[in-house]
Amino acid sequence: KDTIDFPDFDKVDFRIAKIIKAEHVEGADKLLRLELDIGLETRQVFAGIKSAYDPASLVGRMTVMVANLAPRKMRFGVSEGMVLAAGPGGSEIFLLSPDEGATVGMKVK
């Protein structure tokens, strides 16, 4: 990937989010629908993590999301952000989690 300047990086709004609902998306091979609490509001995000996570295991979990990503209309609905994960894909997807003490809506710096 190309190098970016700090002002470009600083445009990204990373937030601590709590997964309050997670479910399979009918007709989707890779997606789970997540409902995320980011403090002042909730967001719906479609995440390609189905191969690595059972939806029930995600409820209540804290993660990191990109809160200012433009909404994306998908076949299944509108995705209003993106959760951060690492790994090559398949069953090796690792959702990022903040350290204990981070709270819902907290800005990641």
PDB file of N, CA and C in Angstrom:
ATOM      1  N   LYS A   1       0.835  -1.181   0.000  1.00  0.00           N
ATOM      2  CA  LYS A   1       0.000   0.000   0.000  1.00  0.00           C
ATOM      3  C   LYS A   1       0.878   1.242   0.000  1.00  0.00           C
ATOM      4  N   ASP A   2       0.360   2.291  -0.567  1.00  0.00           N
ATOM      5  CA  ASP A   2       1.087   3.557  -0.602  1.00  0.00           C
ATOM      6  C   ASP A   2       1.155   4.182   0.791  1.00  0.00           C
ATOM      7  N   THR A   3       2.206   4.928   1.043  1.00  0.00           N
ATOM      8  CA  THR A   3       2.363   5.682   2.277  1.00  0.00           C
ATOM      9  C   THR A   3       1.376   6.846   2.272  1.00  0.00           C
ATOM     10  N   ILE A   4       0.771   7.107   3.437  1.00  0.00           N
ATOM     11  CA  ILE A   4      -0.119   8.258   3.551  1.00  0.00           C
ATOM     12  C   ILE A   4       0.464   9.237   4.564  1.00  0.00           C
ATOM     13  N   ASP A   5       0.071  10.480   4.442  1.00  0.00           N
ATOM     14  CA  ASP A   5       0.504  11.497   5.400  1.00  0.00           C
ATOM     15  C   ASP A   5      -0.392  11.446   6.634  1.00  0.00           C
ATOM     16  N   PHE A   6       0.124  11.979   7.741  1.00  0.00           N
ATOM     17  CA  PHE A   6      -0.636  11.967   8.982  1.00  0.00           C
ATOM     18  C   PHE A   6      -2.007  12.635   8.853  1.00  0.00           C
ATOM     19  N   PRO A   7      -2.123  13.768   8.158  1.00  0.00           N
ATOM     20  CA  PRO A   7      -3.464  14.367   8.035  1.00  0.00           C
ATOM     21  C   PRO A   7      -4.495  13.420   7.404  1.00  0.00           C
ATOM     22  N   ASP A   8      -4.058  12.564   6.480  1.00  0.00           N
ATOM     23  CA  ASP A   8      -4.983  11.587   5.902  1.00  0.00           C
ATOM     24  C   ASP A   8      -5.373  10.533   6.939  1.00  0.00           C
ATOM     25  N   PHE A   9      -4.398  10.023   7.673  1.00  0.00           N
ATOM     26  CA  PHE A   9      -4.669   9.039   8.718  1.00  0.00           C
ATOM     27  C   PHE A   9      -5.573   9.623   9.796  1.00  0.00           C
ATOM     28  N   ASP A  10      -5.356  10.887  10.135  1.00  0.00           N
ATOM     29  CA  ASP A  10      -6.104  11.545  11.195  1.00  0.00           C
ATOM     30  C   ASP A  10      -7.588  11.714  10.846  1.00  0.00           C
ATOM     31  N   LYS A  11      -7.946  11.545   9.594  1.00  0.00           N
ATOM     32  CA  LYS A  11      -9.345  11.649   9.167  1.00  0.00           C
ATOM     33  C   LYS A  11     -10.170  10.432   9.610  1.00  0.00           C
ATOM     34  N   VAL A  12      -9.496   9.322   9.899  1.00  0.00           N
ATOM     35  CA  VAL A  12     -10.199   8.096  10.271  1.00  0.00           C
ATOM     36  C   VAL A  12     -10.617   8.171  11.737  1.00  0.00           C
ATOM     37  N   ASP A  13     -11.906   7.940  12.005  1.00  0.00           N
ATOM     38  CA  ASP A  13     -12.465   7.990  13.350  1.00  0.00           C
ATOM     39  C   ASP A  13     -12.640   6.566  13.875  1.00  0.00           C
ATOM     40  N   PHE A  14     -11.645   6.086  14.614  1.00  0.00           N
ATOM     41  CA  PHE A  14     -11.702   4.768  15.235  1.00  0.00           C
ATOM     42  C   PHE A  14     -12.411   4.908  16.580  1.00  0.00           C
ATOM     43  N   ARG A  15     -13.386   4.032  16.850  1.00  0.00           N
ATOM     44  CA  ARG A  15     -14.145   4.082  18.097  1.00  0.00           C
ATOM     45  C   ARG A  15     -14.249   2.702  18.736  1.00  0.00           C
ATOM     46  N   ILE A  16     -14.331   2.695  20.057  1.00  0.00           N
ATOM     47  CA  ILE A  16     -14.618   1.465  20.777  1.00  0.00           C
ATOM     48  C   ILE A  16     -16.112   1.191  20.637  1.00  0.00           C
ATOM     49  N   ALA A  17     -16.448  -0.027  20.276  1.00  0.00           N
ATOM     50  CA  ALA A  17     -17.842  -0.413  20.073  1.00  0.00           C
ATOM     51  C   ALA A  17     -18.129  -1.703  20.826  1.00  0.00           C
ATOM     52  N   LYS A  18     -19.351  -1.817  21.298  1.00  0.00           N
ATOM     53  CA  LYS A  18     -19.797  -3.049  21.946  1.00  0.00           C
ATOM     54  C   LYS A  18     -20.792  -3.724  21.014  1.00  0.00           C
ATOM     55  N   ILE A  19     -20.565  -4.999  20.764  1.00  0.00           N
ATOM     56  CA  ILE A  19     -21.472  -5.765  19.908  1.00  0.00           C
ATOM     57  C   ILE A  19     -22.697  -6.124  20.743  1.00  0.00           C
ATOM     58  N   ILE A  20     -23.846  -5.566  20.364  1.00  0.00           N
ATOM     59  CA  ILE A  20     -25.059  -5.825  21.135  1.00  0.00           C
ATOM     60  C   ILE A  20     -25.965  -6.853  20.462  1.00  0.00           C
ATOM     61  N   LYS A  21     -25.700  -7.120  19.194  1.00  0.00           N
ATOM     62  CA  LYS A  21     -26.458  -8.145  18.478  1.00  0.00           C
ATOM     63  C   LYS A  21     -25.579  -8.644  17.333  1.00  0.00           C
ATOM     64  N   ALA A  22     -25.627  -9.940  17.077  1.00  0.00           N
ATOM     65  CA  ALA A  22     -24.883 -10.543  15.963  1.00  0.00           C
ATOM     66  C   ALA A  22     -25.735 -11.661  15.394  1.00  0.00           C
ATOM     67  N   GLU A  23     -25.810 -11.717  14.070  1.00  0.00           N
ATOM     68  CA  GLU A  23     -26.627 -12.756  13.450  1.00  0.00           C
ATOM     69  C   GLU A  23     -26.128 -13.083  12.056  1.00  0.00           C
ATOM     70  N   HIS A  24     -26.466 -14.298  11.612  1.00  0.00           N
ATOM     71  CA  HIS A  24     -26.156 -14.708  10.252  1.00  0.00           C
ATOM     72  C   HIS A  24     -26.978 -13.874   9.281  1.00  0.00           C
ATOM     73  N   VAL A  25     -26.453 -13.684   8.096  1.00  0.00           N
ATOM     74  CA  VAL A  25     -27.165 -12.971   7.040  1.00  0.00           C
ATOM     75  C   VAL A  25     -27.617 -14.014   6.033  1.00  0.00           C
ATOM     76  N   GLU A  26     -28.928 -14.163   5.908  1.00  0.00           N
ATOM     77  CA  GLU A  26     -29.480 -15.150   4.991  1.00  0.00           C
ATOM     78  C   GLU A  26     -29.009 -14.863   3.565  1.00  0.00           C
ATOM     79  N   GLY A  27     -28.448 -15.886   2.926  1.00  0.00           N
ATOM     80  CA  GLY A  27     -27.975 -15.752   1.555  1.00  0.00           C
ATOM     81  C   GLY A  27     -26.552 -15.252   1.411  1.00  0.00           C
ATOM     82  N   ALA A  28     -25.881 -14.986   2.523  1.00  0.00           N
ATOM     83  CA  ALA A  28     -24.501 -14.496   2.481  1.00  0.00           C
ATOM     84  C   ALA A  28     -23.549 -15.582   2.987  1.00  0.00           C
ATOM     85  N   ASP A  29     -22.501 -15.854   2.225  1.00  0.00           N
ATOM     86  CA  ASP A  29     -21.538 -16.888   2.597  1.00  0.00           C
ATOM     87  C   ASP A  29     -20.547 -16.443   3.669  1.00  0.00           C
ATOM     88  N   LYS A  30     -20.199 -15.152   3.679  1.00  0.00           N
ATOM     89  CA  LYS A  30     -19.130 -14.677   4.550  1.00  0.00           C
ATOM     90  C   LYS A  30     -19.568 -13.674   5.615  1.00  0.00           C
ATOM     91  N   LEU A  31     -20.782 -13.144   5.511  1.00  0.00           N
ATOM     92  CA  LEU A  31     -21.168 -12.004   6.342  1.00  0.00           C
ATOM     93  C   LEU A  31     -21.944 -12.362   7.598  1.00  0.00           C
ATOM     94  N   LEU A  32     -21.654 -11.591   8.641  1.00  0.00           N
ATOM     95  CA  LEU A  32     -22.498 -11.529   9.832  1.00  0.00           C
ATOM     96  C   LEU A  32     -23.004 -10.096   9.932  1.00  0.00           C
ATOM     97  N   ARG A  33     -24.239  -9.954  10.415  1.00  0.00           N
ATOM     98  CA  ARG A  33     -24.771  -8.613  10.671  1.00  0.00           C
ATOM     99  C   ARG A  33     -24.550  -8.321  12.139  1.00  0.00           C
ATOM    100  N   LEU A  34     -23.844  -7.224  12.404  1.00  0.00           N
ATOM    101  CA  LEU A  34     -23.559  -6.815  13.770  1.00  0.00           C
ATOM    102  C   LEU A  34     -24.292  -5.524  14.073  1.00  0.00           C
ATOM    103  N   GLU A  35     -24.825  -5.430  15.263  1.00  0.00           N
ATOM    104  CA  GLU A  35     -25.359  -4.165  15.752  1.00  0.00           C
ATOM    105  C   GLU A  35     -24.395  -3.698  16.823  1.00  0.00           C
ATOM    106  N   LEU A  36     -23.846  -2.509  16.628  1.00  0.00           N
ATOM    107  CA  LEU A  36     -22.785  -1.996  17.485  1.00  0.00           C
ATOM    108  C   LEU A  36     -23.244  -0.765  18.251  1.00  0.00           C
ATOM    109  N   ASP A  37     -22.974  -0.756  19.544  1.00  0.00           N
ATOM    110  CA  ASP A  37     -23.209   0.424  20.371  1.00  0.00           C
ATOM    111  C   ASP A  37     -21.914   1.221  20.380  1.00  0.00           C
ATOM    112  N   ILE A  38     -21.984   2.481  19.912  1.00  0.00           N
ATOM    113  CA  ILE A  38     -20.784   3.322  19.929  1.00  0.00           C
ATOM    114  C   ILE A  38     -20.979   4.548  20.825  1.00  0.00           C
ATOM    115  N   GLY A  39     -21.836   4.405  21.798  1.00  0.00           N
ATOM    116  CA  GLY A  39     -22.039   5.485  22.758  1.00  0.00           C
ATOM    117  C   GLY A  39     -23.328   6.240  22.525  1.00  0.00           C
ATOM    118  N   LEU A  40     -23.304   7.208  21.644  1.00  0.00           N
ATOM    119  CA  LEU A  40     -24.476   8.044  21.411  1.00  0.00           C
ATOM    120  C   LEU A  40     -25.471   7.432  20.440  1.00  0.00           C
ATOM    121  N   GLU A  41     -25.077   6.358  19.773  1.00  0.00           N
ATOM    122  CA  GLU A  41     -25.951   5.719  18.779  1.00  0.00           C
ATOM    123  C   GLU A  41     -25.540   4.273  18.568  1.00  0.00           C
ATOM    124  N   THR A  42     -26.379   3.553  17.833  1.00  0.00           N
ATOM    125  CA  THR A  42     -26.026   2.201  17.424  1.00  0.00           C
ATOM    126  C   THR A  42     -25.850   2.200  15.914  1.00  0.00           C
ATOM    127  N   ARG A  43     -25.026   1.293  15.442  1.00  0.00           N
ATOM    128  CA  ARG A  43     -24.745   1.166  14.016  1.00  0.00           C
ATOM    129  C   ARG A  43     -24.907  -0.275  13.588  1.00  0.00           C
ATOM    130  N   GLN A  44     -25.336  -0.465  12.349  1.00  0.00           N
ATOM    131  CA  GLN A  44     -25.389  -1.785  11.724  1.00  0.00           C
ATOM    132  C   GLN A  44     -24.163  -1.924  10.829  1.00  0.00           C
ATOM    133  N   VAL A  45     -23.446  -3.013  11.008  1.00  0.00           N
ATOM    134  CA  VAL A  45     -22.254  -3.278  10.201  1.00  0.00           C
ATOM    135  C   VAL A  45     -22.326  -4.711   9.708  1.00  0.00           C
ATOM    136  N   PHE A  46     -22.055  -4.905   8.430  1.00  0.00           N
ATOM    137  CA  PHE A  46     -21.921  -6.242   7.869  1.00  0.00           C
ATOM    138  C   PHE A  46     -20.435  -6.554   7.819  1.00  0.00           C
ATOM    139  N   ALA A  47     -20.040  -7.644   8.476  1.00  0.00           N
ATOM    140  CA  ALA A  47     -18.623  -7.994   8.582  1.00  0.00           C
ATOM    141  C   ALA A  47     -18.379  -9.384   8.006  1.00  0.00           C
ATOM    142  N   GLY A  48     -17.320  -9.516   7.236  1.00  0.00           N
ATOM    143  CA  GLY A  48     -16.971 -10.795   6.608  1.00  0.00           C
ATOM    144  C   GLY A  48     -16.213 -11.716   7.543  1.00  0.00           C
ATOM    145  N   ILE A  49     -16.821 -12.021   8.678  1.00  0.00           N
ATOM    146  CA  ILE A  49     -16.155 -12.825   9.711  1.00  0.00           C
ATOM    147  C   ILE A  49     -16.910 -14.116  10.038  1.00  0.00           C
ATOM    148  N   LYS A  50     -17.864 -14.477   9.201  1.00  0.00           N
ATOM    149  CA  LYS A  50     -18.722 -15.633   9.466  1.00  0.00           C
ATOM    150  C   LYS A  50     -17.939 -16.937   9.606  1.00  0.00           C
ATOM    151  N   SER A  51     -16.867 -17.090   8.848  1.00  0.00           N
ATOM    152  CA  SER A  51     -16.098 -18.342   8.877  1.00  0.00           C
ATOM    153  C   SER A  51     -15.315 -18.528  10.175  1.00  0.00           C
ATOM    154  N   ALA A  52     -15.150 -17.463  10.935  1.00  0.00           N
ATOM    155  CA  ALA A  52     -14.331 -17.538  12.143  1.00  0.00           C
ATOM    156  C   ALA A  52     -15.121 -17.394  13.441  1.00  0.00           C
ATOM    157  N   TYR A  53     -16.360 -16.896  13.371  1.00  0.00           N
ATOM    158  CA  TYR A  53     -17.092 -16.604  14.600  1.00  0.00           C
ATOM    159  C   TYR A  53     -18.531 -17.098  14.559  1.00  0.00           C
ATOM    160  N   ASP A  54     -18.948 -17.641  15.692  1.00  0.00           N
ATOM    161  CA  ASP A  54     -20.348 -17.952  15.932  1.00  0.00           C
ATOM    162  C   ASP A  54     -20.980 -16.655  16.445  1.00  0.00           C
ATOM    163  N   PRO A  55     -22.078 -16.207  15.853  1.00  0.00           N
ATOM    164  CA  PRO A  55     -22.672 -14.935  16.279  1.00  0.00           C
ATOM    165  C   PRO A  55     -22.918 -14.834  17.786  1.00  0.00           C
ATOM    166  N   ALA A  56     -23.377 -15.899  18.416  1.00  0.00           N
ATOM    167  CA  ALA A  56     -23.672 -15.856  19.851  1.00  0.00           C
ATOM    168  C   ALA A  56     -22.430 -15.533  20.685  1.00  0.00           C
ATOM    169  N   SER A  57     -21.266 -15.924  20.209  1.00  0.00           N
ATOM    170  CA  SER A  57     -20.029 -15.682  20.959  1.00  0.00           C
ATOM    171  C   SER A  57     -19.580 -14.225  20.896  1.00  0.00           C
ATOM    172  N   LEU A  58     -20.171 -13.452  20.002  1.00  0.00           N
ATOM    173  CA  LEU A  58     -19.762 -12.058  19.826  1.00  0.00           C
ATOM    174  C   LEU A  58     -20.563 -11.076  20.675  1.00  0.00           C
ATOM    175  N   VAL A  59     -21.768 -11.449  21.057  1.00  0.00           N
ATOM    176  CA  VAL A  59     -22.637 -10.535  21.802  1.00  0.00           C
ATOM    177  C   VAL A  59     -21.989 -10.166  23.139  1.00  0.00           C
ATOM    178  N   GLY A  60     -21.886  -8.864  23.371  1.00  0.00           N
ATOM    179  CA  GLY A  60     -21.261  -8.347  24.586  1.00  0.00           C
ATOM    180  C   GLY A  60     -19.785  -8.043  24.435  1.00  0.00           C
ATOM    181  N   ARG A  61     -19.209  -8.469  23.347  1.00  0.00           N
ATOM    182  CA  ARG A  61     -17.779  -8.265  23.120  1.00  0.00           C
ATOM    183  C   ARG A  61     -17.494  -6.831  22.691  1.00  0.00           C
ATOM    184  N   MET A  62     -16.369  -6.304  23.159  1.00  0.00           N
ATOM    185  CA  MET A  62     -15.902  -4.984  22.758  1.00  0.00           C
ATOM    186  C   MET A  62     -14.959  -5.152  21.573  1.00  0.00           C
ATOM    187  N   THR A  63     -15.012  -4.200  20.648  1.00  0.00           N
ATOM    188  CA  THR A  63     -14.139  -4.231  19.484  1.00  0.00           C
ATOM    189  C   THR A  63     -13.835  -2.800  19.054  1.00  0.00           C
ATOM    190  N   VAL A  64     -13.129  -2.669  17.952  1.00  0.00           N
ATOM    191  CA  VAL A  64     -12.784  -1.361  17.392  1.00  0.00           C
ATOM    192  C   VAL A  64     -13.438  -1.250  16.031  1.00  0.00           C
ATOM    193  N   MET A  65     -14.033  -0.083  15.754  1.00  0.00           N
ATOM    194  CA  MET A  65     -14.664   0.128  14.453  1.00  0.00           C
ATOM    195  C   MET A  65     -14.227   1.449  13.843  1.00  0.00           C
ATOM    196  N   VAL A  66     -14.364   1.534  12.524  1.00  0.00           N
ATOM    197  CA  VAL A  66     -14.199   2.795  11.809  1.00  0.00           C
ATOM    198  C   VAL A  66     -15.589   3.416  11.753  1.00  0.00           C
ATOM    199  N   ALA A  67     -15.765   4.515  12.487  1.00  0.00           N
ATOM    200  CA  ALA A  67     -17.091   5.107  12.647  1.00  0.00           C
ATOM    201  C   ALA A  67     -17.448   6.103  11.554  1.00  0.00           C
ATOM    202  N   ASN A  68     -16.457   6.623  10.847  1.00  0.00           N
ATOM    203  CA  ASN A  68     -16.778   7.641   9.841  1.00  0.00           C
ATOM    204  C   ASN A  68     -16.616   7.143   8.410  1.00  0.00           C
ATOM    205  N   LEU A  69     -16.653   5.848   8.228  1.00  0.00           N
ATOM    206  CA  LEU A  69     -16.661   5.282   6.887  1.00  0.00           C
ATOM    207  C   LEU A  69     -18.027   5.555   6.267  1.00  0.00           C
ATOM    208  N   ALA A  70     -18.051   6.011   5.048  1.00  0.00           N
ATOM    209  CA  ALA A  70     -19.327   6.308   4.392  1.00  0.00           C
ATOM    210  C   ALA A  70     -20.200   5.056   4.373  1.00  0.00           C
ATOM    211  N   PRO A  71     -21.499   5.205   4.658  1.00  0.00           N
ATOM    212  CA  PRO A  71     -22.398   4.043   4.600  1.00  0.00           C
ATOM    213  C   PRO A  71     -22.335   3.390   3.221  1.00  0.00           C
ATOM    214  N   ARG A  72     -22.428   2.066   3.220  1.00  0.00           N
ATOM    215  CA  ARG A  72     -22.359   1.321   1.969  1.00  0.00           C
ATOM    216  C   ARG A  72     -23.614   0.480   1.814  1.00  0.00           C
ATOM    217  N   LYS A  73     -24.356   0.739   0.740  1.00  0.00           N
ATOM    218  CA  LYS A  73     -25.560  -0.039   0.477  1.00  0.00           C
ATOM    219  C   LYS A  73     -25.143  -1.387  -0.083  1.00  0.00           C
ATOM    220  N   MET A  74     -25.639  -2.434   0.573  1.00  0.00           N
ATOM    221  CA  MET A  74     -25.339  -3.792   0.163  1.00  0.00           C
ATOM    222  C   MET A  74     -26.656  -4.498  -0.156  1.00  0.00           C
ATOM    223  N   ARG A  75     -26.564  -5.664  -0.708  1.00  0.00           N
ATOM    224  CA  ARG A  75     -27.757  -6.432  -1.053  1.00  0.00           C
ATOM    225  C   ARG A  75     -28.615  -6.726   0.176  1.00  0.00           C
ATOM    226  N   PHE A  76     -27.980  -6.796   1.347  1.00  0.00           N
ATOM    227  CA  PHE A  76     -28.657  -7.198   2.571  1.00  0.00           C
ATOM    228  C   PHE A  76     -29.078  -6.015   3.439  1.00  0.00           C
ATOM    229  N   GLY A  77     -28.661  -4.812   3.084  1.00  0.00           N
ATOM    230  CA  GLY A  77     -28.947  -3.616   3.873  1.00  0.00           C
ATOM    231  C   GLY A  77     -27.788  -2.647   3.788  1.00  0.00           C
ATOM    232  N   VAL A  78     -27.776  -1.662   4.650  1.00  0.00           N
ATOM    233  CA  VAL A  78     -26.728  -0.644   4.651  1.00  0.00           C
ATOM    234  C   VAL A  78     -25.746  -0.937   5.780  1.00  0.00           C
ATOM    235  N   SER A  79     -24.454  -0.968   5.422  1.00  0.00           N
ATOM    236  CA  SER A  79     -23.402  -1.131   6.410  1.00  0.00           C
ATOM    237  C   SER A  79     -22.903   0.261   6.789  1.00  0.00           C
ATOM    238  N   GLU A  80     -22.879   0.536   8.109  1.00  0.00           N
ATOM    239  CA  GLU A  80     -22.586   1.883   8.593  1.00  0.00           C
ATOM    240  C   GLU A  80     -21.247   1.975   9.314  1.00  0.00           C
ATOM    241  N   GLY A  81     -20.250   1.302   8.791  1.00  0.00           N
ATOM    242  CA  GLY A  81     -18.923   1.331   9.386  1.00  0.00           C
ATOM    243  C   GLY A  81     -18.189   0.049   9.079  1.00  0.00           C
ATOM    244  N   MET A  82     -17.112  -0.183   9.809  1.00  0.00           N
ATOM    245  CA  MET A  82     -16.314  -1.386   9.611  1.00  0.00           C
ATOM    246  C   MET A  82     -15.647  -1.762  10.920  1.00  0.00           C
ATOM    247  N   VAL A  83     -15.714  -3.045  11.273  1.00  0.00           N
ATOM    248  CA  VAL A  83     -14.965  -3.511  12.437  1.00  0.00           C
ATOM    249  C   VAL A  83     -13.568  -3.907  11.971  1.00  0.00           C
ATOM    250  N   LEU A  84     -12.614  -3.817  12.873  1.00  0.00           N
ATOM    251  CA  LEU A  84     -11.232  -4.126  12.531  1.00  0.00           C
ATOM    252  C   LEU A  84     -10.882  -5.545  12.933  1.00  0.00           C
ATOM    253  N   ALA A  85     -10.237  -6.252  12.025  1.00  0.00           N
ATOM    254  CA  ALA A  85      -9.813  -7.623  12.257  1.00  0.00           C
ATOM    255  C   ALA A  85      -8.481  -7.853  11.555  1.00  0.00           C
ATOM    256  N   ALA A  86      -7.762  -8.865  11.998  1.00  0.00           N
ATOM    257  CA  ALA A  86      -6.475  -9.231  11.404  1.00  0.00           C
ATOM    258  C   ALA A  86      -6.556 -10.665  10.915  1.00  0.00           C
ATOM    259  N   GLY A  87      -5.625 -11.045  10.066  1.00  0.00           N
ATOM    260  CA  GLY A  87      -5.529 -12.428   9.623  1.00  0.00           C
ATOM    261  C   GLY A  87      -5.724 -12.583   8.131  1.00  0.00           C
ATOM    262  N   PRO A  88      -5.342 -13.747   7.634  1.00  0.00           N
ATOM    263  CA  PRO A  88      -5.406 -13.992   6.191  1.00  0.00           C
ATOM    264  C   PRO A  88      -6.806 -14.307   5.674  1.00  0.00           C
ATOM    265  N   GLY A  89      -7.737 -14.644   6.555  1.00  0.00           N
ATOM    266  CA  GLY A  89      -9.095 -14.970   6.116  1.00  0.00           C
ATOM    267  C   GLY A  89      -9.471 -16.383   6.504  1.00  0.00           C
ATOM    268  N   GLY A  90     -10.630 -16.799   6.016  1.00  0.00           N
ATOM    269  CA  GLY A  90     -11.124 -18.124   6.378  1.00  0.00           C
ATOM    270  C   GLY A  90     -11.367 -18.218   7.861  1.00  0.00           C
ATOM    271  N   SER A  91     -10.919 -19.300   8.482  1.00  0.00           N
ATOM    272  CA  SER A  91     -11.101 -19.451   9.931  1.00  0.00           C
ATOM    273  C   SER A  91     -10.073 -18.651  10.718  1.00  0.00           C
ATOM    274  N   GLU A  92      -9.099 -18.079  10.022  1.00  0.00           N
ATOM    275  CA  GLU A  92      -8.059 -17.280  10.678  1.00  0.00           C
ATOM    276  C   GLU A  92      -8.356 -15.796  10.533  1.00  0.00           C
ATOM    277  N   ILE A  93      -9.429 -15.369  11.186  1.00  0.00           N
ATOM    278  CA  ILE A  93      -9.797 -13.960  11.277  1.00  0.00           C
ATOM    279  C   ILE A  93      -9.868 -13.643  12.761  1.00  0.00           C
ATOM    280  N   PHE A  94      -9.221 -12.567  13.164  1.00  0.00           N
ATOM    281  CA  PHE A  94      -9.116 -12.235  14.572  1.00  0.00           C
ATOM    282  C   PHE A  94      -9.621 -10.816  14.802  1.00  0.00           C
ATOM    283  N   LEU A  95     -10.818 -10.709  15.350  1.00  0.00           N
ATOM    284  CA  LEU A  95     -11.433  -9.426  15.639  1.00  0.00           C
ATOM    285  C   LEU A  95     -10.609  -8.697  16.694  1.00  0.00           C
ATOM    286  N   LEU A  96     -10.302  -7.432  16.454  1.00  0.00           N
ATOM    287  CA  LEU A  96      -9.516  -6.671  17.414  1.00  0.00           C
ATOM    288  C   LEU A  96     -10.359  -6.318  18.630  1.00  0.00           C
ATOM    289  N   SER A  97      -9.741  -6.387  19.792  1.00  0.00           N
ATOM    290  CA  SER A  97     -10.402  -6.061  21.058  1.00  0.00           C
ATOM    291  C   SER A  97      -9.541  -5.082  21.839  1.00  0.00           C
ATOM    292  N   PRO A  98     -10.178  -4.099  22.465  1.00  0.00           N
ATOM    293  CA  PRO A  98      -9.401  -3.154  23.279  1.00  0.00           C
ATOM    294  C   PRO A  98      -9.052  -3.762  24.631  1.00  0.00           C
ATOM    295  N   ASP A  99      -8.078  -3.193  25.292  1.00  0.00           N
ATOM    296  CA  ASP A  99      -7.733  -3.605  26.651  1.00  0.00           C
ATOM    297  C   ASP A  99      -8.879  -3.271  27.599  1.00  0.00           C
ATOM    298  N   GLU A 100      -8.903  -3.985  28.710  1.00  0.00           N
ATOM    299  CA  GLU A 100      -9.888  -3.722  29.750  1.00  0.00           C
ATOM    300  C   GLU A 100      -9.775  -2.262  30.188  1.00  0.00           C
ATOM    301  N   GLY A 101     -10.897  -1.631  30.397  1.00  0.00           N
ATOM    302  CA  GLY A 101     -10.911  -0.227  30.802  1.00  0.00           C
ATOM    303  C   GLY A 101     -11.395   0.693  29.696  1.00  0.00           C
ATOM    304  N   ALA A 102     -11.249   0.255  28.443  1.00  0.00           N
ATOM    305  CA  ALA A 102     -11.767   1.059  27.332  1.00  0.00           C
ATOM    306  C   ALA A 102     -13.287   1.009  27.393  1.00  0.00           C
ATOM    307  N   THR A 103     -13.935   2.131  27.098  1.00  0.00           N
ATOM    308  CA  THR A 103     -15.393   2.205  27.209  1.00  0.00           C
ATOM    309  C   THR A 103     -16.033   2.490  25.843  1.00  0.00           C
ATOM    310  N   VAL A 104     -17.290   2.117  25.749  1.00  0.00           N
ATOM    311  CA  VAL A 104     -18.071   2.303  24.523  1.00  0.00           C
ATOM    312  C   VAL A 104     -18.026   3.754  24.074  1.00  0.00           C
ATOM    313  N   GLY A 105     -17.737   3.958  22.813  1.00  0.00           N
ATOM    314  CA  GLY A 105     -17.693   5.297  22.228  1.00  0.00           C
ATOM    315  C   GLY A 105     -16.363   5.993  22.341  1.00  0.00           C
ATOM    316  N   MET A 106     -15.458   5.446  23.134  1.00  0.00           N
ATOM    317  CA  MET A 106     -14.142   6.070  23.316  1.00  0.00           C
ATOM    318  C   MET A 106     -13.420   6.153  21.978  1.00  0.00           C
ATOM    319  N   LYS A 107     -12.790   7.307  21.727  1.00  0.00           N
ATOM    320  CA  LYS A 107     -12.034   7.505  20.500  1.00  0.00           C
ATOM    321  C   LYS A 107     -10.674   6.803  20.645  1.00  0.00           C
ATOM    322  N   VAL A 108     -10.278   6.095  19.603  1.00  0.00           N
ATOM    323  CA  VAL A 108      -8.981   5.423  19.574  1.00  0.00           C
ATOM    324  C   VAL A 108      -7.989   6.380  18.947  1.00  0.00           C
ATOM    325  N   LYS A 109      -6.884   6.582  19.637  1.00  0.00           N
ATOM    326  CA  LYS A 109      -5.877   7.547  19.155  1.00  0.00           C
ATOM    327  C   LYS A 109      -4.570   6.848  18.879  1.00  0.00           C
TER     328      LYS A 109
END
